[in-house]
Protein backbone atom coordinates (compact mmCIF):
# COMPACT_ATOMS: atom_id res chain seq x y z
CA MET A 1 107.26 174.16 118.78
CA THR A 2 108.29 174.26 115.05
CA GLU A 3 109.41 170.85 114.98
CA VAL A 4 105.87 169.33 117.12
CA ASN A 5 103.86 171.36 114.25
CA GLN A 6 106.17 169.43 111.65
CA ALA A 7 105.37 165.71 113.08
CA ASP A 8 101.91 166.38 113.85
CA SER A 9 101.80 167.67 110.31
CA ILE A 10 103.26 164.37 108.77
CA GLU A 11 101.26 162.04 111.52
CA ALA A 12 97.98 163.51 109.92
CA GLU A 13 99.21 162.89 106.61
CA GLN A 14 99.61 159.43 107.07
CA ARG A 15 96.31 159.16 109.16
CA SER A 16 94.91 160.92 105.80
CA GLN A 17 96.55 158.06 103.49
CA LEU A 18 95.54 155.36 105.67
CA VAL A 19 91.83 156.56 105.47
CA ARG A 20 91.85 156.99 101.84
CA LYS A 21 93.24 153.65 101.76
CA GLY A 22 90.56 152.08 103.38
CA SER A 23 87.81 153.43 100.85
CA LEU A 24 86.48 151.42 98.33
CA HIS A 25 87.59 152.60 95.14
CA TRP A 26 85.81 152.03 91.65
CA VAL A 27 88.09 149.31 90.59
CA HIS A 28 86.85 147.26 93.64
CA TRP A 29 83.48 147.77 92.19
CA LEU A 30 84.26 146.72 88.94
CA VAL A 31 85.57 143.50 89.81
CA VAL A 32 82.81 142.67 92.21
CA LEU A 33 80.16 143.53 89.22
CA LEU A 34 82.45 141.25 86.61
CA SER A 35 82.00 138.44 89.44
CA ILE A 36 78.76 138.68 89.22
CA ILE A 37 78.55 137.88 85.50
CA LEU A 38 80.98 135.62 85.44
CA THR A 39 78.43 133.77 88.24
CA VAL A 40 75.98 133.51 85.82
CA GLY A 41 77.27 132.96 82.65
CA ALA A 42 79.06 129.77 84.63
CA TRP A 43 75.69 128.80 85.79
CA TYR A 44 74.37 128.85 82.32
CA ILE A 45 76.90 127.08 80.58
CA ALA A 46 76.94 124.18 83.62
CA SER A 47 73.33 123.85 83.35
CA GLU A 48 73.73 122.97 79.24
CA GLN A 49 76.50 121.10 79.59
CA VAL A 50 74.86 118.85 82.85
CA ALA A 51 71.86 118.04 80.53
CA GLN A 52 73.96 116.84 77.84
CA LYS A 53 76.20 115.14 80.15
CA ASN A 54 73.26 113.22 81.43
CA GLN A 55 71.95 112.13 77.90
CA GLU A 56 75.42 111.09 77.35
CA LYS A 57 75.54 109.13 80.70
CA PHE A 58 72.07 107.71 80.28
CA GLN A 59 72.82 106.48 76.54
CA ARG A 60 75.95 104.82 77.79
CA GLN A 61 74.00 103.16 80.53
CA VAL A 62 71.82 101.94 77.97
CA GLU A 63 74.81 100.40 75.64
CA GLN A 64 76.38 99.03 78.96
CA ALA A 65 73.32 97.30 80.30
CA ILE A 66 72.53 95.40 76.84
CA GLY A 67 76.17 94.96 76.13
CA LEU A 68 76.62 93.30 79.58
CA VAL A 69 73.09 91.06 78.58
CA GLU A 70 74.79 90.49 75.25
CA GLU A 71 78.17 89.35 76.85
CA ARG A 72 77.07 87.26 79.32
CA MET A 73 74.87 85.33 76.83
CA HIS A 74 78.01 84.85 74.42
CA LEU A 75 79.66 83.30 77.09
CA TYR A 76 77.08 81.05 78.06
CA GLU A 77 77.20 79.81 74.19
CA ASN A 78 80.89 79.64 74.48
CA ALA A 79 79.97 77.09 77.19
CA LEU A 80 77.74 74.92 75.61
CA TRP A 81 79.62 74.77 72.57
CA GLY A 82 82.07 73.46 74.32
CA GLY A 83 80.32 70.77 75.32
CA VAL A 84 79.15 70.08 71.73
CA ALA A 85 82.88 69.91 71.19
CA PHE A 86 83.54 67.20 74.06
CA LEU A 87 80.86 65.37 72.75
CA ASP A 88 82.43 65.70 69.22
CA ALA A 89 85.73 64.10 70.01
CA ASN A 90 83.48 61.31 72.15
CA GLY A 91 81.78 60.72 68.47
CA GLY A 92 78.52 62.10 70.09
CA LYS A 93 78.23 59.71 73.26
CA THR A 94 79.22 60.46 76.74
CA ASN A 95 77.97 58.96 80.10
CA TYR A 96 76.46 60.28 83.61
CA ALA A 97 80.76 60.00 84.98
CA GLN A 98 81.99 61.48 82.08
CA TRP A 99 79.58 64.42 81.86
CA GLN A 100 79.88 64.73 85.43
CA ILE A 101 83.65 65.43 85.23
CA TYR A 102 83.62 67.74 82.33
CA ALA A 103 80.67 69.64 84.12
CA ASN A 104 82.85 70.18 87.19
CA SER A 105 85.98 71.00 85.28
CA LEU A 106 83.70 74.23 83.70
CA ASP A 107 83.82 75.56 87.79
CA LEU A 108 80.13 76.93 86.86
CA ASP A 109 79.80 78.98 89.82
CA LYS A 110 82.81 80.95 89.60
CA VAL A 111 83.25 81.06 85.57
CA TYR A 112 79.42 81.01 84.78
CA PRO A 113 77.61 83.35 87.16
CA GLY A 114 73.93 82.78 86.74
CA ILE A 115 73.80 79.47 85.07
CA ASN A 116 71.54 77.23 86.69
CA GLY A 117 73.82 73.97 85.44
CA ILE A 118 74.81 72.97 81.89
CA GLY A 119 73.23 68.98 80.44
CA VAL A 120 72.87 67.13 77.38
CA ILE A 121 70.07 66.38 75.63
CA TYR A 122 69.50 63.40 73.03
CA ASN A 123 67.21 63.02 70.29
CA ILE A 124 65.50 59.59 70.63
CA LYS A 125 63.59 57.31 67.98
CA PRO A 126 61.23 55.45 69.02
CA SER A 127 62.65 52.39 67.60
CA GLN A 128 65.91 53.58 70.00
CA MET A 129 63.80 54.29 72.97
CA GLU A 130 64.21 50.29 74.65
CA ASP A 131 67.88 50.77 74.27
CA TYR A 132 68.55 54.15 75.57
CA LEU A 133 66.85 53.41 78.62
CA ALA A 134 68.55 50.09 79.13
CA SER A 135 72.01 52.06 78.51
CA GLU A 136 71.19 54.65 80.89
CA ARG A 137 69.31 52.39 84.07
CA LYS A 138 72.91 50.37 84.18
CA THR A 139 73.65 53.29 86.52
CA ARG A 140 70.68 54.76 87.02
CA PRO A 141 68.18 52.33 87.82
CA ASN A 142 65.19 54.83 88.17
CA TYR A 143 65.72 56.62 85.05
CA ALA A 144 62.58 57.60 83.30
CA LEU A 145 61.52 59.95 80.95
CA HIS A 146 58.13 62.40 81.95
CA PRO A 147 56.09 63.82 81.08
CA LYS A 148 54.13 61.59 78.42
CA HIS A 149 53.40 63.36 75.31
CA GLN A 150 51.78 62.53 71.72
CA GLU A 151 55.10 63.50 69.49
CA LYS A 152 56.99 60.97 67.18
CA GLU A 153 60.20 61.70 68.92
CA TYR A 154 61.91 62.39 72.32
CA TRP A 155 63.92 64.84 73.45
CA PRO A 156 64.67 63.64 77.27
CA ILE A 157 67.38 65.42 79.22
CA THR A 158 69.59 62.61 79.92
CA TYR A 159 72.42 64.70 81.82
CA ILE A 160 72.32 68.05 83.83
CA GLU A 161 75.43 69.15 86.50
CA PRO A 162 74.66 70.02 89.02
CA SER A 163 72.19 67.15 89.43
CA GLU A 164 71.39 67.79 93.02
CA SER A 165 69.49 71.15 92.13
CA ASN A 166 68.14 70.03 88.93
CA ASP A 167 66.89 66.62 89.84
CA LYS A 168 63.51 67.58 89.16
CA ALA A 169 64.68 67.79 85.29
CA ILE A 170 66.57 64.74 84.75
CA GLY A 171 64.42 62.53 81.98
CA LEU A 172 62.02 65.74 81.18
CA ASP A 173 61.01 65.80 77.63
CA MET A 174 60.89 68.60 76.04
CA ALA A 175 58.83 67.69 73.44
CA PHE A 176 55.57 68.00 75.80
CA GLU A 177 55.42 71.69 75.60
CA SER A 178 55.84 73.87 72.91
CA ASN A 179 58.31 76.88 73.96
CA ARG A 180 60.74 73.44 74.68
CA TYR A 181 60.11 71.64 71.50
CA THR A 182 59.85 74.57 69.03
CA ALA A 183 63.07 76.15 70.27
CA ILE A 184 64.95 72.52 69.95
CA LYS A 185 63.59 71.73 66.17
CA LYS A 186 64.80 75.21 65.24
CA ALA A 187 68.22 74.55 66.88
CA ARG A 188 68.29 71.06 64.88
CA ASP A 189 67.36 72.62 61.43
CA THR A 190 69.34 76.24 61.50
CA GLY A 191 72.76 74.28 63.19
CA GLY A 192 73.14 77.19 65.73
CA ALA A 193 72.27 78.38 69.25
CA GLN A 194 68.98 78.98 69.99
CA ILE A 195 66.85 80.06 73.03
CA THR A 196 63.36 79.47 74.17
CA GLY A 197 60.38 81.30 74.48
CA PRO A 198 59.75 82.24 78.03
CA ILE A 199 59.33 79.11 80.34
CA VAL A 200 59.20 78.29 84.40
CA LEU A 201 61.47 75.52 84.99
CA VAL A 202 60.50 72.81 87.01
CA GLN A 203 63.30 72.94 89.42
CA ASP A 204 62.61 76.70 90.04
CA ALA A 205 60.47 76.62 93.30
CA LYS A 206 59.52 80.12 92.76
CA LYS A 207 57.77 79.68 89.30
CA THR A 208 59.78 82.50 88.11
CA PRO A 209 60.25 83.45 84.24
CA GLY A 210 62.95 81.46 82.56
CA PHE A 211 64.37 80.18 79.34
CA LEU A 212 66.61 77.17 77.72
CA PHE A 213 69.84 77.63 75.79
CA TYR A 214 70.42 75.12 73.03
CA THR A 215 73.51 74.11 70.93
CA PRO A 216 72.92 71.33 68.19
CA PHE A 217 75.37 68.44 67.62
CA TYR A 218 75.39 65.66 64.56
CA GLU A 219 76.23 62.77 63.63
CA GLY A 220 80.37 62.33 62.55
CA GLY A 221 81.23 65.71 64.59
CA LYS A 222 80.13 68.06 61.46
CA LYS A 223 77.22 70.45 60.68
CA PRO A 224 75.67 69.28 57.73
CA SER A 225 74.41 71.70 55.15
CA THR A 226 70.94 71.29 54.63
CA VAL A 227 67.80 70.95 56.69
CA ASP A 228 66.70 67.50 55.64
CA ALA A 229 70.55 66.06 56.34
CA ARG A 230 70.60 68.10 59.48
CA ARG A 231 67.20 66.35 60.44
CA ALA A 232 68.42 62.97 59.66
CA ASP A 233 72.03 63.64 61.22
CA ILE A 234 71.09 65.21 64.67
CA VAL A 235 72.13 63.26 67.78
CA GLY A 236 71.13 65.83 70.28
CA VAL A 237 71.77 69.32 71.90
CA THR A 238 73.79 70.65 75.06
CA TYR A 239 71.87 72.75 76.99
CA ALA A 240 71.64 74.99 79.81
CA PRO A 241 68.79 76.11 81.56
CA PHE A 242 68.46 79.79 83.04
CA ILE A 243 65.91 82.02 85.92
CA MET A 244 65.66 85.53 84.23
CA SER A 245 65.98 86.73 87.95
CA LYS A 246 69.06 84.63 88.82
CA LEU A 247 70.74 85.95 85.51
CA MET A 248 70.06 89.26 85.54
CA LEU A 249 71.05 90.17 89.29
CA GLY A 250 74.52 88.25 88.40
CA THR A 251 74.99 89.97 84.92
CA LEU A 252 73.59 93.69 86.22
CA ALA A 253 74.82 95.21 88.93
CA SER A 254 72.74 97.74 90.09
CA GLU A 255 74.41 99.27 92.18
CA ASN A 256 76.63 100.09 89.67
CA ARG A 257 73.92 101.66 87.72
CA GLN A 258 71.48 104.51 87.51
CA VAL A 259 68.77 102.95 85.32
CA ARG A 260 66.16 101.05 85.44
CA ILE A 261 65.54 97.95 83.36
CA ALA A 262 62.56 95.84 82.12
CA ILE A 263 63.18 92.62 79.46
CA SER A 264 59.91 91.35 77.84
CA ASP A 265 59.68 88.68 75.09
CA ASN A 266 56.85 89.55 73.14
CA GLU A 267 54.38 90.32 75.80
CA THR A 268 55.91 88.22 78.50
CA LEU A 269 57.52 90.07 81.33
CA LEU A 270 61.17 88.22 81.60
CA TYR A 271 62.69 90.65 84.20
CA ALA A 272 61.97 93.81 86.05
CA ASP A 273 63.95 95.77 88.23
CA ASP A 274 60.50 96.69 90.07
CA GLU A 275 60.38 92.80 91.36
CA GLN A 276 64.32 93.02 92.54
CA ALA A 277 66.36 94.24 95.00
CA ALA A 278 67.64 96.95 92.31
CA ASP A 279 63.84 98.91 93.56
CA VAL A 280 65.80 99.29 96.54
CA LEU A 281 68.75 100.43 95.70
CA ASN A 282 67.81 102.26 92.78
CA PRO A 283 63.96 103.44 93.21
CA ARG A 284 61.91 104.34 90.51
CA ASP A 285 61.28 107.70 89.47
CA ASP A 286 57.19 108.63 88.77
CA ASN A 287 58.61 111.20 86.06
CA PRO A 288 61.92 109.70 84.69
CA LEU A 289 64.31 112.09 83.03
CA PHE A 290 65.04 109.69 80.07
CA VAL A 291 63.33 106.68 78.98
CA LYS A 292 64.13 103.90 75.80
CA ASN A 293 62.87 100.86 74.17
CA VAL A 294 65.61 99.16 72.54
CA GLU A 295 64.74 95.43 70.85
CA ILE A 296 67.42 92.84 70.63
CA GLU A 297 67.87 89.66 68.51
CA MET A 298 68.55 87.26 70.71
CA TYR A 299 69.62 83.59 69.55
CA GLY A 300 65.99 83.35 67.70
CA ARG A 301 64.01 85.39 70.03
CA THR A 302 63.57 89.35 69.88
CA TRP A 303 63.96 90.99 73.29
CA LEU A 304 62.53 94.44 74.29
CA PHE A 305 64.80 96.68 76.94
CA ASN A 306 62.57 98.93 78.21
CA ILE A 307 65.33 101.43 80.18
CA GLU A 308 64.24 104.40 81.79
CA SER A 309 66.42 106.59 84.36
CA GLY A 310 66.17 105.83 88.39
CA LEU A 311 65.73 108.24 90.95
CA SER A 312 69.12 107.72 92.13
CA PHE A 313 69.68 109.47 88.12
CA ARG A 314 67.90 112.52 88.97
CA ASP A 315 69.67 112.83 92.71
CA ASP A 316 72.94 112.35 91.46
CA PRO A 317 74.86 115.09 92.92
CA SER A 318 76.56 115.94 90.02
CA ASN A 319 73.17 117.51 88.77
CA ASP A 320 73.54 120.12 91.22
CA GLN A 321 76.58 121.71 89.92
CA PRO A 322 74.96 124.35 88.50
CA SER A 323 72.84 125.48 91.36
CA TRP A 324 75.74 124.75 93.45
CA ILE A 325 78.01 127.12 91.20
CA LEU A 326 75.09 129.89 91.40
CA ILE A 327 75.19 129.75 94.93
CA GLY A 328 78.62 129.76 95.45
CA GLY A 329 79.09 132.34 92.97
CA LEU A 330 77.07 134.62 95.02
CA ILE A 331 78.15 133.82 98.10
CA ILE A 332 81.83 134.15 97.14
CA ASP A 333 81.25 137.68 95.19
CA SER A 334 79.28 138.99 98.58
CA MET A 335 83.14 137.57 100.54
CA LEU A 336 84.57 139.30 97.98
CA LEU A 337 82.88 142.55 98.45
CA GLY A 338 83.49 142.27 101.95
CA LEU A 339 86.97 141.04 101.83
CA PHE A 340 88.03 144.30 100.03
CA VAL A 341 86.60 146.15 103.08
CA PHE A 342 88.55 144.45 105.16
CA LEU A 343 91.68 144.31 103.51
CA THR A 344 91.38 148.33 103.13
CA ARG A 345 90.88 148.48 106.53
CA VAL A 346 93.71 146.30 107.87
CA ASN A 347 96.56 146.69 105.36
CA ARG A 348 98.48 148.71 107.27
CA SER A 349 97.96 147.91 110.78
CA ALA A 350 98.49 144.28 109.40
CA LEU A 351 102.27 145.59 108.22
CA ALA A 352 103.14 147.19 111.02
CA TYR A 353 102.06 144.64 113.46
CA ALA A 354 104.05 142.20 111.12
CA ASP A 355 107.66 144.39 111.09
CA LYS A 356 107.26 144.44 115.03
CA MET A 357 106.83 140.85 115.35
CA THR A 358 109.40 140.30 112.46
CA GLU A 359 112.06 142.32 114.52
CA ALA A 360 110.92 140.54 117.81
CA LEU A 361 111.40 137.54 116.54
CA ARG A 362 114.95 138.40 115.19
CA ASP A 363 115.72 139.76 118.66
CA GLU A 364 114.73 136.48 119.84
CA SER A 365 116.69 134.33 117.73
CA GLN A 366 119.87 135.93 118.03
CA ARG A 367 118.95 135.82 122.44
CA LEU A 368 118.60 131.93 121.74
CA ILE A 369 121.51 131.90 119.60
CA LYS A 370 123.80 133.39 122.08
CA THR A 371 122.13 131.51 125.26
CA ASN A 372 123.38 128.25 123.32
CA HIS A 373 126.67 129.46 122.38
CA ASP A 374 127.28 130.51 126.77
CA LEU A 375 125.77 127.01 127.62
CA GLU A 376 128.23 125.29 125.76
CA GLN A 377 130.91 126.74 126.33
CA PHE A 378 130.37 126.94 129.82
CA ALA A 379 130.52 123.23 129.57
CA TYR A 380 133.38 122.98 128.04
CA VAL A 381 135.12 125.02 130.51
CA ALA A 382 133.46 123.82 133.25
CA SER A 383 134.47 120.09 132.50
CA HIS A 384 137.89 121.16 131.21
CA ASP A 385 138.70 123.49 134.73
CA LEU A 386 137.33 121.07 137.15
CA LYS A 387 139.53 118.07 136.14
CA ALA A 388 142.50 119.72 137.53
CA PRO A 389 140.64 119.91 141.20
CA LEU A 390 139.66 116.55 141.15
CA ASN A 391 142.97 115.47 140.14
CA SER A 392 144.39 116.91 143.16
CA ILE A 393 142.04 115.70 145.72
CA ASN A 394 142.24 112.17 143.80
CA GLN A 395 146.31 112.76 144.41
CA VAL A 396 146.19 114.02 147.57
CA ILE A 397 144.06 110.62 149.11
CA SER A 398 146.68 108.27 147.28
CA TRP A 399 149.23 110.20 149.25
CA ILE A 400 147.53 109.79 152.21
CA GLU A 401 146.73 106.60 151.55
CA GLU A 402 150.45 105.49 150.95
CA ASP A 403 151.70 107.19 153.99
CA CYS A 404 149.23 106.06 156.53
CA GLY A 405 147.81 103.37 155.11
CA ASP A 406 148.59 100.97 157.71
CA LEU A 407 147.51 103.51 160.65
CA LEU A 408 144.10 103.88 159.46
CA PRO A 409 141.06 101.70 160.41
CA GLU A 410 139.20 99.48 158.24
CA LYS A 411 136.49 102.30 158.53
CA SER A 412 138.39 105.11 157.11
CA LYS A 413 139.92 103.03 154.40
CA GLU A 414 136.27 102.41 153.36
CA HIS A 415 136.25 106.06 153.35
CA ILE A 416 139.13 106.70 151.12
CA ASP A 417 137.81 104.02 148.84
CA MET A 418 134.57 106.12 148.70
CA VAL A 419 136.09 108.98 147.87
CA LYS A 420 138.78 107.92 145.15
CA GLY A 421 135.61 106.17 143.67
CA ARG A 422 133.50 109.23 143.96
CA CYS A 423 136.38 110.96 142.24
CA LEU A 424 136.49 108.53 139.39
CA ARG A 425 132.84 108.98 138.86
CA MET A 426 133.23 113.22 139.24
CA MET A 427 136.41 112.21 136.41
CA THR A 428 134.08 110.30 133.97
CA LEU A 429 131.51 112.69 133.81
CA LEU A 430 133.39 115.81 133.28
CA LYS A 431 134.61 113.57 130.22
CA ASP A 432 131.47 112.84 129.14
CA LEU A 433 130.05 116.33 129.35
CA LEU A 434 133.07 117.43 127.63
CA ASP A 435 132.90 114.94 124.88
CA TYR A 436 128.90 116.07 124.77
CA SER A 437 129.49 119.71 124.68
CA LYS A 438 131.96 119.03 121.58
CA VAL A 439 128.97 117.42 119.76
CA VAL A 440 128.25 120.64 117.58
CA ARG A 441 131.12 121.99 117.56
CA PHE A 442 133.19 120.52 115.01
CA ALA A 443 132.39 118.89 111.26
CA TYR A 444 132.94 116.00 109.70
CA SER A 445 132.96 114.69 106.21
CA SER A 446 132.08 110.97 105.08
CA GLU A 447 134.77 108.45 104.48
CA PRO A 448 134.83 104.93 103.16
CA VAL A 449 134.44 103.01 106.75
CA SER A 450 134.43 99.07 107.28
CA LEU A 451 131.41 98.66 109.62
CA ARG A 452 133.17 95.38 110.71
CA LYS A 453 136.55 96.53 111.54
CA ILE A 454 135.41 99.36 113.43
CA SER A 455 133.26 97.75 115.36
CA ASN A 456 135.74 95.36 116.30
CA ASP A 457 138.46 97.87 116.97
CA VAL A 458 135.93 99.31 119.31
CA LEU A 459 134.90 96.34 121.43
CA VAL A 460 139.21 95.44 121.11
CA LEU A 461 139.83 99.11 122.86
CA HIS A 462 137.53 98.22 125.41
CA GLY A 463 139.33 95.82 126.36
CA LYS A 464 136.33 92.96 126.71
CA ASP A 465 137.49 91.30 123.24
CA GLN A 466 138.01 87.84 125.30
CA LYS A 467 134.37 87.41 127.12
CA PHE A 468 131.88 89.58 124.39
CA SER A 469 131.72 88.57 121.13
CA CYS A 470 130.87 91.22 117.81
CA THR A 471 129.42 90.29 114.94
CA ALA A 472 129.02 92.97 111.93
CA PRO A 473 128.92 92.82 108.39
CA ASP A 474 131.50 93.36 105.87
CA VAL A 475 130.24 96.30 104.15
CA MET A 476 132.02 99.67 103.42
CA ILE A 477 129.60 102.82 104.17
CA ASN A 478 130.42 106.38 102.88
CA ILE A 479 129.88 107.90 106.74
CA PRO A 480 131.95 110.03 109.10
CA ARG A 481 134.06 107.97 111.19
CA ILE A 482 134.68 110.01 114.12
CA PRO A 483 131.09 110.46 114.98
CA LEU A 484 130.16 106.87 114.22
CA ASP A 485 132.79 105.91 116.26
CA ILE A 486 132.02 107.69 119.34
CA VAL A 487 128.48 106.48 118.88
CA LEU A 488 129.22 102.09 118.53
CA ARG A 489 132.20 103.20 121.16
CA ASN A 490 129.02 104.21 123.64
CA LEU A 491 126.52 101.78 122.56
CA ILE A 492 128.56 98.74 123.09
CA SER A 493 130.35 100.34 126.46
CA ASN A 494 126.58 100.46 127.67
CA THR A 495 125.78 96.77 126.78
CA ILE A 496 129.19 95.40 128.61
CA LYS A 497 128.70 97.78 131.39
CA HIS A 498 124.64 96.95 132.10
CA HIS A 499 125.25 93.07 130.93
CA ASP A 500 124.05 90.82 133.68
CA LYS A 501 126.31 88.24 132.51
CA GLU A 502 130.20 87.87 131.89
CA ASN A 503 129.93 86.36 128.93
CA GLY A 504 128.01 87.95 125.66
CA ILE A 505 127.08 88.96 122.41
CA ILE A 506 126.96 92.14 120.63
CA THR A 507 124.71 91.89 116.47
CA ILE A 508 125.72 94.66 114.82
CA SER A 509 123.23 94.18 110.94
CA TYR A 510 123.19 97.16 108.63
CA ASP A 511 120.72 98.06 105.98
CA GLU A 512 121.12 101.04 102.89
CA GLY A 513 117.66 102.37 102.23
CA GLU A 514 116.95 104.94 99.79
CA GLN A 515 117.94 108.00 101.81
CA GLY A 516 120.14 106.60 104.23
CA HIS A 517 122.05 103.90 106.70
CA PHE A 518 119.98 101.68 109.03
CA ILE A 519 122.40 100.36 111.78
CA ARG A 520 121.39 97.98 114.36
CA VAL A 521 123.21 97.05 117.43
CA GLU A 522 121.58 94.61 119.59
CA ASP A 523 122.82 92.74 122.78
CA ASP A 524 121.59 89.39 124.85
CA GLY A 525 121.50 91.55 128.01
CA PRO A 526 118.55 91.97 130.34
CA GLY A 527 117.02 94.94 128.22
CA ILE A 528 115.35 97.96 129.10
CA PRO A 529 111.79 98.40 129.37
CA ASP A 530 109.36 99.51 127.18
CA LYS A 531 108.46 102.27 129.39
CA MET A 532 112.10 103.19 130.71
CA HIS A 533 113.14 103.88 127.14
CA GLY A 534 112.18 107.80 127.63
CA LYS A 535 114.02 107.91 130.54
CA ALA A 536 117.19 106.16 129.27
CA LEU A 537 117.86 108.56 126.60
CA GLU A 538 118.00 111.34 128.98
CA MET A 539 120.88 113.08 130.26
CA PHE A 540 122.68 111.85 133.55
CA GLN A 541 120.26 108.66 133.54
CA THR A 542 121.11 105.45 134.80
CA LEU A 543 118.97 102.75 135.33
CA GLN A 544 120.84 100.54 138.08
CA PRO A 545 122.14 102.36 141.38
CA ARG A 546 125.42 104.29 140.40
CA ASP A 547 127.15 102.18 143.25
CA LYS A 548 126.58 98.95 141.32
CA VAL A 549 127.51 100.61 137.72
CA GLU A 550 129.71 102.85 137.66
CA GLY A 551 128.70 105.73 134.78
CA SER A 552 127.79 109.01 134.28
CA GLY A 553 124.28 108.49 132.42
CA MET A 554 125.28 110.43 129.48
CA GLY A 555 126.09 107.47 126.83
CA LEU A 556 122.69 107.35 125.29
CA ALA A 557 122.05 111.41 125.49
CA MET A 558 125.24 111.40 123.65
CA VAL A 559 124.37 109.01 121.06
CA LYS A 560 121.08 110.77 120.64
CA LYS A 561 122.53 114.02 119.94
CA ILE A 562 125.20 113.02 117.64
CA VAL A 563 122.82 111.11 115.24
CA GLU A 564 120.10 113.81 115.26
CA HIS A 565 122.83 116.64 114.99
CA HIS A 566 123.86 114.58 111.61
CA ARG A 567 119.72 114.56 110.70
CA GLY A 568 119.40 111.26 111.55
CA THR A 569 117.22 109.08 114.06
CA PHE A 570 117.92 106.97 117.15
CA GLN A 571 115.03 104.66 119.38
CA LEU A 572 115.43 101.76 121.05
CA GLU A 573 113.06 98.71 119.51
CA LYS A 574 110.35 97.91 121.74
CA GLY A 575 108.37 94.78 122.59
CA ARG A 576 111.24 92.87 123.19
CA GLU A 577 111.42 90.17 126.28
CA ARG A 578 115.19 90.28 126.21
CA GLY A 579 118.04 92.00 124.90
CA THR A 580 118.42 95.68 123.84
CA CYS A 581 118.43 96.75 120.46
CA TYR A 582 119.50 100.12 118.87
CA ILE A 583 117.95 101.44 115.84
CA ILE A 584 120.13 104.21 113.91
CA PHE A 585 119.11 106.18 111.08
CA TRP A 586 122.10 108.17 109.33
CA PRO A 587 120.83 109.90 106.31
CA PHE A 588 123.34 110.14 103.36
């Protein structure tokens, strides 16, 4: 009775301890409180950081957008100065064919996206006009200047490529319109690159804002030092026409930015995202977070960049980070409190259950080890002990055949041959079963092995070396010799046994990978259908009748077990019309 009471007391004490462990202590509440404080602090800091990061991101995108425009304009300037160098090298002269070859060599569409073409404008004095027209009409009979004007000099577009899309511009005289004429004279007088004020290109069917880009060239290929000398020695300018919307859409990829851009020259709007596809990709924010106006000197003109953050800038998921931190933190705090409650209640039960399951798994593991050992031992003993009775049966049949061979009818002789065949098949099965049981009983160390020699030795030992050939690379590989010999013997034997012809070719190839050996054994036999690959690797399975091909059906199964015992893989290549290819990976 005392012992019972003592046991009850111990059990009550253990239950009391579990109850105490299941209660929340002040430490738990302190952790939850500190977690809430950290959540609020993280929310405040994240809010400040997001505001600062957005300011920096906006400024970065502003600089990037302006930088892209300036960089693209410098690229076009270089192309125009390249044209000047080409003309200077030819004494300031060229013809339609030469300029076409030069322009085509620039590959404008790929190298200079956004440009509408590149051309030459000559400065023609009234006294030069007759000779000028006669020269150009030799190759272009319909060439003429247009429109008429009252200026005392002419600046006709002589050549422009590609000519098809710029046909309306050929022969256009820049002196007919103020912005074109003013910019070309300024380029002449300064000797530098110059763009026009806003114009509408004659070749632009949509009549949207555009401009022209000029670079001057002079007699002798050098820029005179004074304005008067430059006016006297001017030969012409290379130029490029631009449609502003096409230029900017190629320069400012709207899908890569979160700001909206508008560009003006004086009070003329040259480009605005509102009028382009960017209005869909990056909608306007009615109350933008950031707005900035920047004036940029652009080759003699002042461009005003009006840049503001778009709706995609406001809706950037990174802007929601502080709110998510606050919400997530409070959720985590609640979960943390719930976790404390849950853990304190189930901790002891979980440990007890874990100990119980560990013990059960240990018992199951020991049972499986013993079962596998018993099965291997049974296979070894059965295959070994059954050989003697089979030998006796075979011997007795042989005696009967010797003693009564002349007396037995043909049918009985067929039966005797059948019994002898079954005995031979059973002996083969027992031998293979014995070999199969030995696969994991011994450990073999790696040694240098000649792949060509071991392959040829296997073929010679098989007795089919005169009818079947085997080729293998002359390489030395470090691998367990005996397991490899068994693998190759079974594969070569399987190839010869199931070949549909008397002669055959066996090809063994080798490749050393980073983690092991790759060996391929390939034959030119009838092959194994893809759908039968799984069955071919099972024990006691043959794809042909046993009376047609003698075998235990364990060859490929044994190969698979040997390779996998050495932590490798064995498989058959799929998709072959004829022949079988075995692929072995044998790790180092």
